[in-house]
């Protein structure tokens, strides 16, 4: 909220338009890639490593597939809005999908155990680091790139932090993919 208030005074409406379009498209794709794996793991009585690894694998496959579709669609999106500067913003913003797909499934296990303290701590670090990066960018070069880089830093912080707050190290696994896919449908 604070960074948005500061940015509203520094950035132009055109800059906010570019950021709004690119982040809206990227986060829409992120929402489309949600397969219900988190809900599946949380509600399941007995969870084993195959369940966890399959959920992580499904997330990577879905987000990667949507990332490819998004990257291939960027020229059409830019053409639709008649703003060529959106292309680079979308290409960079789209990395949020790939980075976010790699976050540890340990976050799901912490939620399942109702252990929100580590998640809260990493989210505070995530927001503070993103705020610092955005404000640093705005100070030296006020442009829409500050918000895009801030979003990337936020996602990267959560992804890296998720491996610090839970010891699980996922592996690519397709054993329980059918069961989870059926649940999500």
C-alpha atoms as a PDB file:
ATOM      1  CA  UNK A   1       0.000   0.000   0.000  1.00  0.00           C
ATOM      2  CA  UNK A   2       2.783   2.423   0.921  1.00  0.00           C
ATOM      3  CA  UNK A   3       4.760   1.688  -2.212  1.00  0.00           C
ATOM      4  CA  UNK A   4       1.632   2.107  -4.366  1.00  0.00           C
ATOM      5  CA  UNK A   5       0.937   5.504  -2.792  1.00  0.00           C
ATOM      6  CA  UNK A   6       4.502   6.623  -3.471  1.00  0.00           C
ATOM      7  CA  UNK A   7       4.436   5.233  -6.993  1.00  0.00           C
ATOM      8  CA  UNK A   8       1.148   7.008  -7.734  1.00  0.00           C
ATOM      9  CA  UNK A   9       2.962  10.307  -7.210  1.00  0.00           C
ATOM     10  CA  UNK A  10       6.059   9.351  -9.207  1.00  0.00           C
ATOM     11  CA  UNK A  11       4.873   7.236 -12.138  1.00  0.00           C
ATOM     12  CA  UNK A  12       2.737   8.321 -15.064  1.00  0.00           C
ATOM     13  CA  UNK A  13      -0.727   6.910 -15.808  1.00  0.00           C
ATOM     14  CA  UNK A  14       0.821   5.291 -18.891  1.00  0.00           C
ATOM     15  CA  UNK A  15       3.308   3.433 -16.648  1.00  0.00           C
ATOM     16  CA  UNK A  16       0.508   2.221 -14.395  1.00  0.00           C
ATOM     17  CA  UNK A  17      -1.438   1.062 -17.452  1.00  0.00           C
ATOM     18  CA  UNK A  18       1.473  -1.042 -18.691  1.00  0.00           C
ATOM     19  CA  UNK A  19       1.987  -2.602 -15.265  1.00  0.00           C
ATOM     20  CA  UNK A  20      -1.732  -3.196 -14.766  1.00  0.00           C
ATOM     21  CA  UNK A  21      -2.095  -4.979 -18.094  1.00  0.00           C
ATOM     22  CA  UNK A  22       1.019  -7.125 -17.718  1.00  0.00           C
ATOM     23  CA  UNK A  23       0.400  -8.129 -14.093  1.00  0.00           C
ATOM     24  CA  UNK A  24      -3.291  -8.747 -14.751  1.00  0.00           C
ATOM     25  CA  UNK A  25      -2.498 -11.093 -17.639  1.00  0.00           C
ATOM     26  CA  UNK A  26       0.244 -12.930 -15.732  1.00  0.00           C
ATOM     27  CA  UNK A  27      -1.731 -13.352 -12.522  1.00  0.00           C
ATOM     28  CA  UNK A  28      -4.788 -14.426 -14.523  1.00  0.00           C
ATOM     29  CA  UNK A  29      -2.655 -17.203 -16.043  1.00  0.00           C
ATOM     30  CA  UNK A  30      -1.430 -18.067 -12.554  1.00  0.00           C
ATOM     31  CA  UNK A  31      -5.025 -18.377 -11.355  1.00  0.00           C
ATOM     32  CA  UNK A  32      -5.884 -20.556 -14.373  1.00  0.00           C
ATOM     33  CA  UNK A  33      -3.034 -22.898 -13.510  1.00  0.00           C
ATOM     34  CA  UNK A  34      -4.403 -23.636 -10.030  1.00  0.00           C
ATOM     35  CA  UNK A  35      -5.251 -27.312 -10.075  1.00  0.00           C
ATOM     36  CA  UNK A  36      -6.538 -27.804  -6.535  1.00  0.00           C
ATOM     37  CA  UNK A  37      -3.453 -29.689  -5.430  1.00  0.00           C
ATOM     38  CA  UNK A  38      -3.267 -27.657  -2.240  1.00  0.00           C
ATOM     39  CA  UNK A  39      -6.872 -28.478  -1.358  1.00  0.00           C
ATOM     40  CA  UNK A  40      -6.252 -32.117  -2.235  1.00  0.00           C
ATOM     41  CA  UNK A  41      -3.256 -32.372   0.112  1.00  0.00           C
ATOM     42  CA  UNK A  42      -4.946 -30.446   2.935  1.00  0.00           C
ATOM     43  CA  UNK A  43      -8.132 -32.542   2.931  1.00  0.00           C
ATOM     44  CA  UNK A  44      -6.522 -35.959   2.401  1.00  0.00           C
ATOM     45  CA  UNK A  45      -6.359 -38.107   5.538  1.00  0.00           C
ATOM     46  CA  UNK A  46      -3.045 -39.850   4.783  1.00  0.00           C
ATOM     47  CA  UNK A  47      -0.496 -37.974   2.716  1.00  0.00           C
ATOM     48  CA  UNK A  48       2.668 -39.639   1.455  1.00  0.00           C
ATOM     49  CA  UNK A  49       5.652 -38.360  -0.498  1.00  0.00           C
ATOM     50  CA  UNK A  50       4.081 -39.447  -3.802  1.00  0.00           C
ATOM     51  CA  UNK A  51       1.087 -37.184  -3.104  1.00  0.00           C
ATOM     52  CA  UNK A  52       3.352 -34.237  -2.317  1.00  0.00           C
ATOM     53  CA  UNK A  53       5.691 -34.809  -5.254  1.00  0.00           C
ATOM     54  CA  UNK A  54       2.809 -35.337  -7.678  1.00  0.00           C
ATOM     55  CA  UNK A  55       1.176 -32.085  -6.522  1.00  0.00           C
ATOM     56  CA  UNK A  56       4.457 -30.231  -7.059  1.00  0.00           C
ATOM     57  CA  UNK A  57       4.893 -31.844 -10.486  1.00  0.00           C
ATOM     58  CA  UNK A  58       1.357 -30.962 -11.584  1.00  0.00           C
ATOM     59  CA  UNK A  59       1.946 -27.355 -10.549  1.00  0.00           C
ATOM     60  CA  UNK A  60       5.156 -27.185 -12.577  1.00  0.00           C
ATOM     61  CA  UNK A  61       3.540 -28.766 -15.647  1.00  0.00           C
ATOM     62  CA  UNK A  62       0.470 -26.503 -15.560  1.00  0.00           C
ATOM     63  CA  UNK A  63       2.355 -23.265 -14.931  1.00  0.00           C
ATOM     64  CA  UNK A  64       4.986 -24.120 -17.547  1.00  0.00           C
ATOM     65  CA  UNK A  65       2.320 -24.912 -20.135  1.00  0.00           C
ATOM     66  CA  UNK A  66       0.496 -21.660 -19.434  1.00  0.00           C
ATOM     67  CA  UNK A  67       3.808 -19.800 -19.518  1.00  0.00           C
ATOM     68  CA  UNK A  68       4.441 -21.139 -23.045  1.00  0.00           C
ATOM     69  CA  UNK A  69       0.926 -20.116 -24.132  1.00  0.00           C
ATOM     70  CA  UNK A  70       1.410 -16.682 -22.591  1.00  0.00           C
ATOM     71  CA  UNK A  71       4.805 -16.114 -24.221  1.00  0.00           C
ATOM     72  CA  UNK A  72       3.400 -17.137 -27.598  1.00  0.00           C
ATOM     73  CA  UNK A  73       0.431 -14.778 -27.050  1.00  0.00           C
ATOM     74  CA  UNK A  74       2.463 -11.723 -26.043  1.00  0.00           C
ATOM     75  CA  UNK A  75       2.644 -10.201 -29.553  1.00  0.00           C
ATOM     76  CA  UNK A  76      -1.136 -10.580 -29.931  1.00  0.00           C
ATOM     77  CA  UNK A  77      -1.812  -9.024 -26.521  1.00  0.00           C
ATOM     78  CA  UNK A  78       0.488  -6.127 -27.347  1.00  0.00           C
ATOM     79  CA  UNK A  79      -1.224  -5.683 -30.702  1.00  0.00           C
ATOM     80  CA  UNK A  80      -4.682  -5.805 -29.106  1.00  0.00           C
ATOM     81  CA  UNK A  81      -3.804  -2.958 -26.733  1.00  0.00           C
ATOM     82  CA  UNK A  82      -1.826  -1.160 -29.471  1.00  0.00           C
ATOM     83  CA  UNK A  83       1.065  -0.678 -27.085  1.00  0.00           C
ATOM     84  CA  UNK A  84       4.351  -2.274 -28.172  1.00  0.00           C
ATOM     85  CA  UNK A  85       6.013  -1.467 -24.824  1.00  0.00           C
ATOM     86  CA  UNK A  86       3.780  -4.081 -23.178  1.00  0.00           C
ATOM     87  CA  UNK A  87       5.688  -6.878 -24.929  1.00  0.00           C
ATOM     88  CA  UNK A  88       8.875  -6.641 -22.871  1.00  0.00           C
ATOM     89  CA  UNK A  89       6.896  -6.059 -19.690  1.00  0.00           C
ATOM     90  CA  UNK A  90       4.870  -9.224 -20.345  1.00  0.00           C
ATOM     91  CA  UNK A  91       7.926 -11.305 -21.205  1.00  0.00           C
ATOM     92  CA  UNK A  92       9.629 -10.340 -17.954  1.00  0.00           C
ATOM     93  CA  UNK A  93       6.449 -10.538 -15.839  1.00  0.00           C
ATOM     94  CA  UNK A  94       5.689 -13.997 -17.192  1.00  0.00           C
ATOM     95  CA  UNK A  95       8.705 -15.339 -15.315  1.00  0.00           C
ATOM     96  CA  UNK A  96       6.545 -15.114 -12.187  1.00  0.00           C
ATOM     97  CA  UNK A  97       4.736 -18.247 -13.407  1.00  0.00           C
ATOM     98  CA  UNK A  98       7.908 -20.294 -13.710  1.00  0.00           C
ATOM     99  CA  UNK A  99       9.469 -19.056 -10.481  1.00  0.00           C
ATOM    100  CA  UNK A 100       6.240 -19.555  -8.528  1.00  0.00           C
ATOM    101  CA  UNK A 101       5.853 -23.096  -9.837  1.00  0.00           C
ATOM    102  CA  UNK A 102       9.098 -24.088  -8.151  1.00  0.00           C
ATOM    103  CA  UNK A 103       8.077 -23.157  -4.607  1.00  0.00           C
ATOM    104  CA  UNK A 104       8.287 -25.935  -2.065  1.00  0.00           C
ATOM    105  CA  UNK A 105       5.212 -28.041  -1.360  1.00  0.00           C
ATOM    106  CA  UNK A 106       6.299 -27.657   2.254  1.00  0.00           C
ATOM    107  CA  UNK A 107       4.059 -24.579   2.316  1.00  0.00           C
ATOM    108  CA  UNK A 108       1.063 -26.864   1.775  1.00  0.00           C
ATOM    109  CA  UNK A 109       2.233 -29.180   4.540  1.00  0.00           C
ATOM    110  CA  UNK A 110       2.607 -26.243   6.920  1.00  0.00           C
ATOM    111  CA  UNK A 111      -0.941 -25.125   6.108  1.00  0.00           C
ATOM    112  CA  UNK A 112      -2.162 -28.675   6.587  1.00  0.00           C
ATOM    113  CA  UNK A 113      -0.560 -28.720  10.038  1.00  0.00           C
ATOM    114  CA  UNK A 114      -2.027 -25.256  10.748  1.00  0.00           C
ATOM    115  CA  UNK A 115       1.499 -23.965  11.286  1.00  0.00           C
ATOM    116  CA  UNK A 116       1.188 -20.459   9.883  1.00  0.00           C
ATOM    117  CA  UNK A 117       3.986 -18.782  11.834  1.00  0.00           C
ATOM    118  CA  UNK A 118       6.778 -19.688   9.348  1.00  0.00           C
ATOM    119  CA  UNK A 119       4.545 -18.735   6.423  1.00  0.00           C
ATOM    120  CA  UNK A 120       3.763 -15.397   8.068  1.00  0.00           C
ATOM    121  CA  UNK A 121       7.465 -14.728   8.636  1.00  0.00           C
ATOM    122  CA  UNK A 122       8.438 -15.463   5.051  1.00  0.00           C
ATOM    123  CA  UNK A 123       5.568 -13.314   3.782  1.00  0.00           C
ATOM    124  CA  UNK A 124       6.840 -10.383   5.894  1.00  0.00           C
ATOM    125  CA  UNK A 125      10.349 -10.843   4.445  1.00  0.00           C
ATOM    126  CA  UNK A 126       8.802 -11.130   0.976  1.00  0.00           C
ATOM    127  CA  UNK A 127       6.899  -7.858   1.308  1.00  0.00           C
ATOM    128  CA  UNK A 128       9.774  -5.942   2.894  1.00  0.00           C
ATOM    129  CA  UNK A 129      12.290  -7.081   0.300  1.00  0.00           C
ATOM    130  CA  UNK A 130       9.897  -6.282  -2.532  1.00  0.00           C
ATOM    131  CA  UNK A 131       9.219  -2.830  -1.048  1.00  0.00           C
ATOM    132  CA  UNK A 132      12.944  -2.087  -0.747  1.00  0.00           C
ATOM    133  CA  UNK A 133      13.615  -3.182  -4.333  1.00  0.00           C
ATOM    134  CA  UNK A 134      10.680  -1.177  -5.721  1.00  0.00           C
ATOM    135  CA  UNK A 135      11.650   1.969  -3.838  1.00  0.00           C
ATOM    136  CA  UNK A 136      15.305   1.608  -4.869  1.00  0.00           C
ATOM    137  CA  UNK A 137      14.316   1.291  -8.526  1.00  0.00           C
ATOM    138  CA  UNK A 138      11.940   4.242  -8.292  1.00  0.00           C
ATOM    139  CA  UNK A 139      14.578   6.384  -6.622  1.00  0.00           C
ATOM    140  CA  UNK A 140      17.171   5.808  -9.349  1.00  0.00           C
ATOM    141  CA  UNK A 141      14.946   5.365 -12.410  1.00  0.00           C
ATOM    142  CA  UNK A 142      11.204   5.958 -11.950  1.00  0.00           C
ATOM    143  CA  UNK A 143       9.425   3.678 -14.396  1.00  0.00           C
ATOM    144  CA  UNK A 144       6.960   0.808 -14.540  1.00  0.00           C
ATOM    145  CA  UNK A 145       9.878  -1.596 -14.335  1.00  0.00           C
ATOM    146  CA  UNK A 146      10.037  -0.975 -10.581  1.00  0.00           C
ATOM    147  CA  UNK A 147       6.707  -2.740 -10.073  1.00  0.00           C
ATOM    148  CA  UNK A 148       7.531  -5.578 -12.443  1.00  0.00           C
ATOM    149  CA  UNK A 149      10.899  -6.227 -10.815  1.00  0.00           C
ATOM    150  CA  UNK A 150       9.232  -5.914  -7.397  1.00  0.00           C
ATOM    151  CA  UNK A 151       6.738  -8.633  -8.358  1.00  0.00           C
ATOM    152  CA  UNK A 152       9.566 -10.888  -9.533  1.00  0.00           C
ATOM    153  CA  UNK A 153      11.527 -10.303  -6.323  1.00  0.00           C
ATOM    154  CA  UNK A 154       8.412 -11.038  -4.269  1.00  0.00           C
ATOM    155  CA  UNK A 155       7.809 -14.349  -6.048  1.00  0.00           C
ATOM    156  CA  UNK A 156      11.494 -15.301  -5.917  1.00  0.00           C
ATOM    157  CA  UNK A 157      11.642 -14.535  -2.190  1.00  0.00           C
ATOM    158  CA  UNK A 158       8.628 -16.755  -1.497  1.00  0.00           C
ATOM    159  CA  UNK A 159      10.034 -19.560  -3.630  1.00  0.00           C
ATOM    160  CA  UNK A 160      13.480 -19.508  -2.038  1.00  0.00           C
ATOM    161  CA  UNK A 161      12.045 -18.925   1.424  1.00  0.00           C
ATOM    162  CA  UNK A 162       9.705 -21.885   1.085  1.00  0.00           C
ATOM    163  CA  UNK A 163      12.741 -24.177   1.070  1.00  0.00           C
ATOM    164  CA  UNK A 164      14.114 -22.549   4.213  1.00  0.00           C
ATOM    165  CA  UNK A 165      10.932 -22.891   6.257  1.00  0.00           C
ATOM    166  CA  UNK A 166      10.291 -26.563   5.470  1.00  0.00           C
ATOM    167  CA  UNK A 167      12.756 -29.405   5.056  1.00  0.00           C
ATOM    168  CA  UNK A 168      10.922 -31.264   2.265  1.00  0.00           C
ATOM    169  CA  UNK A 169      12.735 -31.418  -1.069  1.00  0.00           C
ATOM    170  CA  UNK A 170      10.329 -32.372  -3.855  1.00  0.00           C
ATOM    171  CA  UNK A 171      11.091 -34.633  -6.780  1.00  0.00           C
ATOM    172  CA  UNK A 172       9.445 -34.961 -10.157  1.00  0.00           C
ATOM    173  CA  UNK A 173       6.748 -37.632  -9.777  1.00  0.00           C
ATOM    174  CA  UNK A 174       3.691 -38.661 -11.795  1.00  0.00           C
ATOM    175  CA  UNK A 175       2.485 -41.573  -9.630  1.00  0.00           C
ATOM    176  CA  UNK A 176      -0.558 -39.832  -8.091  1.00  0.00           C
ATOM    177  CA  UNK A 177      -1.219 -37.418 -10.925  1.00  0.00           C
ATOM    178  CA  UNK A 178      -4.428 -39.124 -12.084  1.00  0.00           C
ATOM    179  CA  UNK A 179      -5.898 -39.188  -8.580  1.00  0.00           C
ATOM    180  CA  UNK A 180      -5.157 -35.505  -8.035  1.00  0.00           C
ATOM    181  CA  UNK A 181      -6.348 -34.505 -11.482  1.00  0.00           C
ATOM    182  CA  UNK A 182      -9.659 -36.300 -10.870  1.00  0.00           C
ATOM    183  CA  UNK A 183     -10.006 -34.446  -7.541  1.00  0.00           C
ATOM    184  CA  UNK A 184      -9.362 -31.070  -9.140  1.00  0.00           C
ATOM    185  CA  UNK A 185     -11.943 -31.586 -11.857  1.00  0.00           C
END
